[in-house]
C-alpha atoms as a PDB file:
ATOM      1  CA  UNK A   1       0.000   0.000   0.000  1.00  0.00           C
ATOM      2  CA  UNK A   2       1.463   3.349  -1.059  1.00  0.00           C
ATOM      3  CA  UNK A   3       0.464   5.994   1.500  1.00  0.00           C
ATOM      4  CA  UNK A   4       1.555   9.532   0.524  1.00  0.00           C
ATOM      5  CA  UNK A   5       0.548  11.130   3.815  1.00  0.00           C
ATOM      6  CA  UNK A   6       3.268  12.587   6.039  1.00  0.00           C
ATOM      7  CA  UNK A   7       3.743  11.196   9.558  1.00  0.00           C
ATOM      8  CA  UNK A   8       1.749  12.879  12.311  1.00  0.00           C
ATOM      9  CA  UNK A   9       3.456  15.814  13.967  1.00  0.00           C
ATOM     10  CA  UNK A  10       5.714  16.519  11.011  1.00  0.00           C
ATOM     11  CA  UNK A  11       5.629  20.034   9.566  1.00  0.00           C
ATOM     12  CA  UNK A  12       5.498  20.635   5.819  1.00  0.00           C
ATOM     13  CA  UNK A  13       8.864  21.193   4.149  1.00  0.00           C
ATOM     14  CA  UNK A  14       7.842  24.196   2.069  1.00  0.00           C
ATOM     15  CA  UNK A  15       6.936  27.103   4.315  1.00  0.00           C
ATOM     16  CA  UNK A  16       5.628  30.374   3.029  1.00  0.00           C
ATOM     17  CA  UNK A  17       6.457  33.846   4.274  1.00  0.00           C
ATOM     18  CA  UNK A  18       3.897  34.990   6.887  1.00  0.00           C
ATOM     19  CA  UNK A  19       3.960  38.523   5.436  1.00  0.00           C
ATOM     20  CA  UNK A  20       3.615  38.039   1.665  1.00  0.00           C
ATOM     21  CA  UNK A  21       3.139  34.286   1.132  1.00  0.00           C
ATOM     22  CA  UNK A  22       6.214  33.698  -1.031  1.00  0.00           C
ATOM     23  CA  UNK A  23       8.451  30.694  -0.264  1.00  0.00           C
ATOM     24  CA  UNK A  24      10.746  31.239   2.731  1.00  0.00           C
ATOM     25  CA  UNK A  25      14.490  31.635   2.196  1.00  0.00           C
ATOM     26  CA  UNK A  26      16.982  29.853   4.465  1.00  0.00           C
ATOM     27  CA  UNK A  27      18.890  33.073   5.343  1.00  0.00           C
ATOM     28  CA  UNK A  28      15.777  34.917   6.528  1.00  0.00           C
ATOM     29  CA  UNK A  29      13.506  32.075   7.668  1.00  0.00           C
ATOM     30  CA  UNK A  30      10.543  32.149   8.211  1.00  0.00           C
ATOM     31  CA  UNK A  31      10.471  35.145   5.839  1.00  0.00           C
ATOM     32  CA  UNK A  32      11.255  35.371   2.123  1.00  0.00           C
ATOM     33  CA  UNK A  33      13.457  38.461   2.458  1.00  0.00           C
ATOM     34  CA  UNK A  34      14.955  40.946   4.890  1.00  0.00           C
ATOM     35  CA  UNK A  35      12.247  43.392   3.849  1.00  0.00           C
ATOM     36  CA  UNK A  36       9.466  41.077   5.067  1.00  0.00           C
ATOM     37  CA  UNK A  37      11.411  40.438   8.289  1.00  0.00           C
ATOM     38  CA  UNK A  38      11.645  44.203   8.827  1.00  0.00           C
ATOM     39  CA  UNK A  39       7.915  44.638   8.135  1.00  0.00           C
ATOM     40  CA  UNK A  40       7.170  42.022  10.795  1.00  0.00           C
ATOM     41  CA  UNK A  41       9.513  43.694  13.314  1.00  0.00           C
ATOM     42  CA  UNK A  42       7.892  47.055  12.619  1.00  0.00           C
ATOM     43  CA  UNK A  43       4.466  45.549  13.286  1.00  0.00           C
ATOM     44  CA  UNK A  44       5.639  44.173  16.646  1.00  0.00           C
ATOM     45  CA  UNK A  45       7.272  47.451  17.671  1.00  0.00           C
ATOM     46  CA  UNK A  46       4.270  49.476  16.508  1.00  0.00           C
ATOM     47  CA  UNK A  47       1.848  47.452  18.624  1.00  0.00           C
ATOM     48  CA  UNK A  48      -0.013  45.873  15.708  1.00  0.00           C
ATOM     49  CA  UNK A  49       0.538  42.406  17.177  1.00  0.00           C
ATOM     50  CA  UNK A  50      -0.823  42.065  20.679  1.00  0.00           C
ATOM     51  CA  UNK A  51      -1.056  39.297  23.212  1.00  0.00           C
ATOM     52  CA  UNK A  52      -4.373  39.573  24.993  1.00  0.00           C
ATOM     53  CA  UNK A  53      -4.513  39.219  28.751  1.00  0.00           C
ATOM     54  CA  UNK A  54      -7.471  38.674  31.067  1.00  0.00           C
ATOM     55  CA  UNK A  55      -6.436  41.736  33.129  1.00  0.00           C
ATOM     56  CA  UNK A  56      -7.885  45.110  32.277  1.00  0.00           C
ATOM     57  CA  UNK A  57      -5.405  48.023  32.467  1.00  0.00           C
ATOM     58  CA  UNK A  58      -7.963  50.374  34.051  1.00  0.00           C
ATOM     59  CA  UNK A  59      -8.633  47.860  36.838  1.00  0.00           C
ATOM     60  CA  UNK A  60      -4.914  47.804  37.666  1.00  0.00           C
ATOM     61  CA  UNK A  61      -4.832  51.611  37.871  1.00  0.00           C
ATOM     62  CA  UNK A  62      -7.801  51.598  40.270  1.00  0.00           C
ATOM     63  CA  UNK A  63      -5.974  49.120  42.522  1.00  0.00           C
ATOM     64  CA  UNK A  64      -2.891  51.350  42.618  1.00  0.00           C
ATOM     65  CA  UNK A  65      -4.915  54.417  43.693  1.00  0.00           C
ATOM     66  CA  UNK A  66      -6.344  52.695  46.769  1.00  0.00           C
END
């Protein structure tokens, strides 16, 4: 029986750039170019990407005032 499926837990070999979708390049993985890597860094530094937390910032400020 010839099964072409990859083993479970194995990632695909051909990754695409998370910014533009082109194939990733070894030197700048997971991006296709330095430009896309810089775009991603700019998004992180600019606050575009956020990690949500259950805490509300205004609730923390109220606790500090008391």
